[in-house]
C-alpha atoms as a PDB file:
ATOM      1  CA  MET A   1      -2.643   3.999  70.035  1.00  0.00           C
ATOM      2  CA  LYS A   2      -2.307   4.794  66.341  1.00  0.00           C
ATOM      3  CA  ASN A   3      -1.905   8.466  67.187  1.00  0.00           C
ATOM      4  CA  LYS A   4       1.005   7.678  69.513  1.00  0.00           C
ATOM      5  CA  LYS A   5       2.760   5.694  66.774  1.00  0.00           C
ATOM      6  CA  ILE A   6       2.315   8.545  64.321  1.00  0.00           C
ATOM      7  CA  ILE A   7       3.595  11.082  66.838  1.00  0.00           C
ATOM      8  CA  VAL A   8       6.616   8.902  67.698  1.00  0.00           C
ATOM      9  CA  THR A   9       7.366   8.386  63.996  1.00  0.00           C
ATOM     10  CA  VAL A  10       7.128  12.138  63.285  1.00  0.00           C
ATOM     11  CA  VAL A  11       9.379  12.935  66.267  1.00  0.00           C
ATOM     12  CA  VAL A  12      11.967  10.352  65.142  1.00  0.00           C
ATOM     13  CA  VAL A  13      11.919  11.662  61.553  1.00  0.00           C
ATOM     14  CA  LEU A  14      12.302  15.260  62.785  1.00  0.00           C
ATOM     15  CA  ALA A  15      15.167  14.217  65.078  1.00  0.00           C
ATOM     16  CA  ILE A  16      16.926  12.529  62.156  1.00  0.00           C
ATOM     17  CA  ILE A  17      16.459  15.625  59.983  1.00  0.00           C
ATOM     18  CA  VAL A  18      17.752  17.951  62.744  1.00  0.00           C
ATOM     19  CA  LEU A  19      20.756  15.701  63.415  1.00  0.00           C
ATOM     20  CA  GLY A  20      21.480  15.478  59.681  1.00  0.00           C
ATOM     21  CA  ILE A  21      21.400  19.273  59.301  1.00  0.00           C
ATOM     22  CA  LYS A  22      23.528  19.765  62.426  1.00  0.00           C
ATOM     23  CA  GLY A  23      25.993  17.085  61.251  1.00  0.00           C
ATOM     24  CA  GLN A  24      26.229  18.739  57.836  1.00  0.00           C
ATOM     25  CA  GLY A  25      27.036  22.058  59.531  1.00  0.00           C
ATOM     26  CA  LEU A  26      29.740  20.451  61.697  1.00  0.00           C
ATOM     27  CA  LEU A  27      31.238  18.749  58.651  1.00  0.00           C
ATOM     28  CA  GLU A  28      31.407  22.024  56.715  1.00  0.00           C
ATOM     29  CA  LYS A  29      32.977  23.771  59.718  1.00  0.00           C
ATOM     30  CA  ARG A  30      35.655  21.062  60.039  1.00  0.00           C
ATOM     31  CA  LYS A  31      36.425  21.255  56.305  1.00  0.00           C
ATOM     32  CA  GLU A  32      37.035  25.007  56.663  1.00  0.00           C
ATOM     33  CA  GLU A  33      39.311  24.442  59.684  1.00  0.00           C
ATOM     34  CA  VAL A  34      41.374  21.879  57.803  1.00  0.00           C
ATOM     35  CA  ALA A  35      41.605  24.124  54.743  1.00  0.00           C
ATOM     36  CA  ASN A  36      42.837  27.039  56.877  1.00  0.00           C
ATOM     37  CA  GLU A  37      45.435  25.014  58.805  1.00  0.00           C
ATOM     38  CA  ALA A  38      49.022  25.730  57.874  1.00  0.00           C
ATOM     39  CA  LEU A  39      50.813  22.869  56.188  1.00  0.00           C
ATOM     40  CA  PRO A  40      53.784  21.477  58.121  1.00  0.00           C
ATOM     41  CA  ASN A  41      57.187  22.664  56.993  1.00  0.00           C
ATOM     42  CA  SER A  42      58.798  20.042  54.850  1.00  0.00           C
ATOM     43  CA  ALA A  43      62.438  19.909  53.865  1.00  0.00           C
ATOM     44  CA  GLN A  44      63.217  20.320  50.223  1.00  0.00           C
ATOM     45  CA  ILE A  45      64.475  17.216  48.499  1.00  0.00           C
ATOM     46  CA  SER A  46      66.835  17.525  45.574  1.00  0.00           C
ATOM     47  CA  VAL A  47      66.465  14.903  42.889  1.00  0.00           C
ATOM     48  CA  GLU A  48      68.890  14.131  40.079  1.00  0.00           C
ATOM     49  CA  VAL A  49      67.171  13.437  36.783  1.00  0.00           C
ATOM     50  CA  THR A  50      68.689  11.668  33.801  1.00  0.00           C
ATOM     51  CA  LYS A  51      67.434  10.676  30.397  1.00  0.00           C
ATOM     52  CA  ALA A  52      66.418   7.071  29.881  1.00  0.00           C
ATOM     53  CA  LYS A  53      68.655   4.986  27.636  1.00  0.00           C
ATOM     54  CA  GLN A  54      67.705   1.932  25.662  1.00  0.00           C
ATOM     55  CA  GLY A  55      69.685  -1.184  26.538  1.00  0.00           C
ATOM     56  CA  THR A  56      69.690  -4.484  28.333  1.00  0.00           C
ATOM     57  CA  LEU A  57      69.088  -4.535  32.052  1.00  0.00           C
ATOM     58  CA  LYS A  58      70.663  -7.453  33.841  1.00  0.00           C
ATOM     59  CA  ASP A  59      69.273  -8.139  37.263  1.00  0.00           C
ATOM     60  CA  SER A  60      71.675 -10.349  39.179  1.00  0.00           C
ATOM     61  CA  VAL A  61      72.786 -10.845  42.749  1.00  0.00           C
ATOM     62  CA  SER A  62      76.043 -12.467  43.847  1.00  0.00           C
ATOM     63  CA  PHE A  63      76.289 -14.664  46.915  1.00  0.00           C
ATOM     64  CA  LEU A  64      79.205 -16.319  48.626  1.00  0.00           C
ATOM     65  CA  ALA A  65      78.309 -19.994  48.970  1.00  0.00           C
ATOM     66  CA  GLU A  66      79.696 -23.467  49.408  1.00  0.00           C
ATOM     67  CA  ILE A  67      78.179 -26.315  47.426  1.00  0.00           C
ATOM     68  CA  LEU A  68      78.164 -29.692  49.126  1.00  0.00           C
ATOM     69  CA  SER A  69      77.387 -33.036  47.571  1.00  0.00           C
ATOM     70  CA  ASP A  70      74.734 -35.280  49.031  1.00  0.00           C
ATOM     71  CA  LYS A  71      77.110 -38.179  48.376  1.00  0.00           C
ATOM     72  CA  SER A  72      80.465 -38.303  50.109  1.00  0.00           C
ATOM     73  CA  ILE A  73      82.870 -40.940  51.316  1.00  0.00           C
ATOM     74  CA  LYS A  74      85.620 -41.034  53.906  1.00  0.00           C
ATOM     75  CA  LEU A  75      88.898 -42.397  52.642  1.00  0.00           C
ATOM     76  CA  SER A  76      91.385 -44.206  54.865  1.00  0.00           C
ATOM     77  CA  THR A  77      94.283 -46.617  54.490  1.00  0.00           C
ATOM     78  CA  LYS A  78      95.640 -49.526  56.471  1.00  0.00           C
ATOM     79  CA  LEU A  79      99.087 -47.914  56.459  1.00  0.00           C
ATOM     80  CA  VAL A  80     100.304 -44.837  58.288  1.00  0.00           C
ATOM     81  CA  GLY A  81     102.103 -42.191  56.258  1.00  0.00           C
ATOM     82  CA  TYR A  82     101.872 -38.860  54.524  1.00  0.00           C
ATOM     83  CA  VAL A  83     100.045 -38.537  51.206  1.00  0.00           C
ATOM     84  CA  GLU A  84     102.696 -37.984  48.571  1.00  0.00           C
ATOM     85  CA  LYS A  85     100.475 -37.453  45.533  1.00  0.00           C
ATOM     86  CA  VAL A  86      96.747 -37.427  44.784  1.00  0.00           C
ATOM     87  CA  MET A  87      96.158 -39.324  41.548  1.00  0.00           C
ATOM     88  CA  VAL A  88      92.550 -38.223  40.832  1.00  0.00           C
ATOM     89  CA  GLU A  89      90.765 -34.916  40.383  1.00  0.00           C
ATOM     90  CA  GLU A  90      87.854 -33.710  42.478  1.00  0.00           C
ATOM     91  CA  ALA A  91      84.505 -35.091  41.201  1.00  0.00           C
ATOM     92  CA  GLN A  92      86.306 -37.566  38.923  1.00  0.00           C
ATOM     93  CA  LYS A  93      84.578 -40.937  38.633  1.00  0.00           C
ATOM     94  CA  VAL A  94      86.636 -43.862  39.899  1.00  0.00           C
ATOM     95  CA  LYS A  95      86.106 -47.592  40.066  1.00  0.00           C
ATOM     96  CA  LYS A  96      87.291 -50.348  42.346  1.00  0.00           C
ATOM     97  CA  GLY A  97      91.029 -50.893  42.080  1.00  0.00           C
ATOM     98  CA  ASP A  98      91.914 -47.400  40.770  1.00  0.00           C
ATOM     99  CA  LEU A  99      94.986 -45.831  42.385  1.00  0.00           C
ATOM    100  CA  LEU A 100      93.767 -42.772  44.301  1.00  0.00           C
ATOM    101  CA  VAL A 101      96.853 -41.619  46.239  1.00  0.00           C
ATOM    102  CA  THR A 102     100.464 -42.568  46.769  1.00  0.00           C
ATOM    103  CA  ILE A 103     101.762 -42.610  50.331  1.00  0.00           C
ATOM    104  CA  ASP A 104     105.283 -41.563  51.326  1.00  0.00           C
ATOM    105  CA  ALA A 105     106.792 -44.860  52.436  1.00  0.00           C
ATOM    106  CA  VAL A 106     109.972 -43.530  54.121  1.00  0.00           C
ATOM    107  CA  GLU A 107     108.658 -44.230  57.628  1.00  0.00           C
ATOM    108  CA  LEU A 108     107.249 -47.583  56.561  1.00  0.00           C
ATOM    109  CA  LYS A 109     110.575 -48.664  54.998  1.00  0.00           C
ATOM    110  CA  SER A 110     112.421 -47.496  58.101  1.00  0.00           C
ATOM    111  CA  ASN A 111     110.107 -49.559  60.327  1.00  0.00           C
ATOM    112  CA  ILE A 112     110.563 -52.622  58.078  1.00  0.00           C
ATOM    113  CA  LYS A 113     114.375 -52.304  58.257  1.00  0.00           C
ATOM    114  CA  ALA A 114     114.235 -51.989  62.054  1.00  0.00           C
ATOM    115  CA  LEU A 115     112.016 -55.079  62.311  1.00  0.00           C
ATOM    116  CA  GLU A 116     114.283 -57.047  59.944  1.00  0.00           C
ATOM    117  CA  SER A 117     117.332 -56.084  62.018  1.00  0.00           C
ATOM    118  CA  THR A 118     115.579 -57.168  65.205  1.00  0.00           C
ATOM    119  CA  PHE A 119     114.537 -60.434  63.537  1.00  0.00           C
ATOM    120  CA  GLN A 120     118.079 -61.121  62.307  1.00  0.00           C
ATOM    121  CA  ALA A 121     119.500 -60.349  65.753  1.00  0.00           C
ATOM    122  CA  GLN A 122     117.074 -62.760  67.413  1.00  0.00           C
ATOM    123  CA  LYS A 123     117.718 -65.391  64.732  1.00  0.00           C
ATOM    124  CA  ILE A 124     121.465 -65.315  65.450  1.00  0.00           C
ATOM    125  CA  ASP A 125     120.953 -65.736  69.204  1.00  0.00           C
END
């Protein structure tokens, strides 16, 4: 039994040595093939070279953007009319009672005159 183990061990060691030698030969052969292969044709690349200059390098990127506030308010009036003048600037702080806009009152005055005329006509009758 011990003799069989020794024989098997010797055979395995010899097989490893033979495979190692054969593998080494194949590796050397492949290295020669690769060394003898022609390199692929590559296009020439022209490069412009310039001397370095000392200075400040500014790295910046511009973007087109719109900035929106997280606080906004809708403005409305009880009267109908066109805004004649805006009395405040954008982002200006205001408080209760401040005049924000003036409204063109031509239509409003016209409606008041028409109502007064109708009232006077009904009052006379």
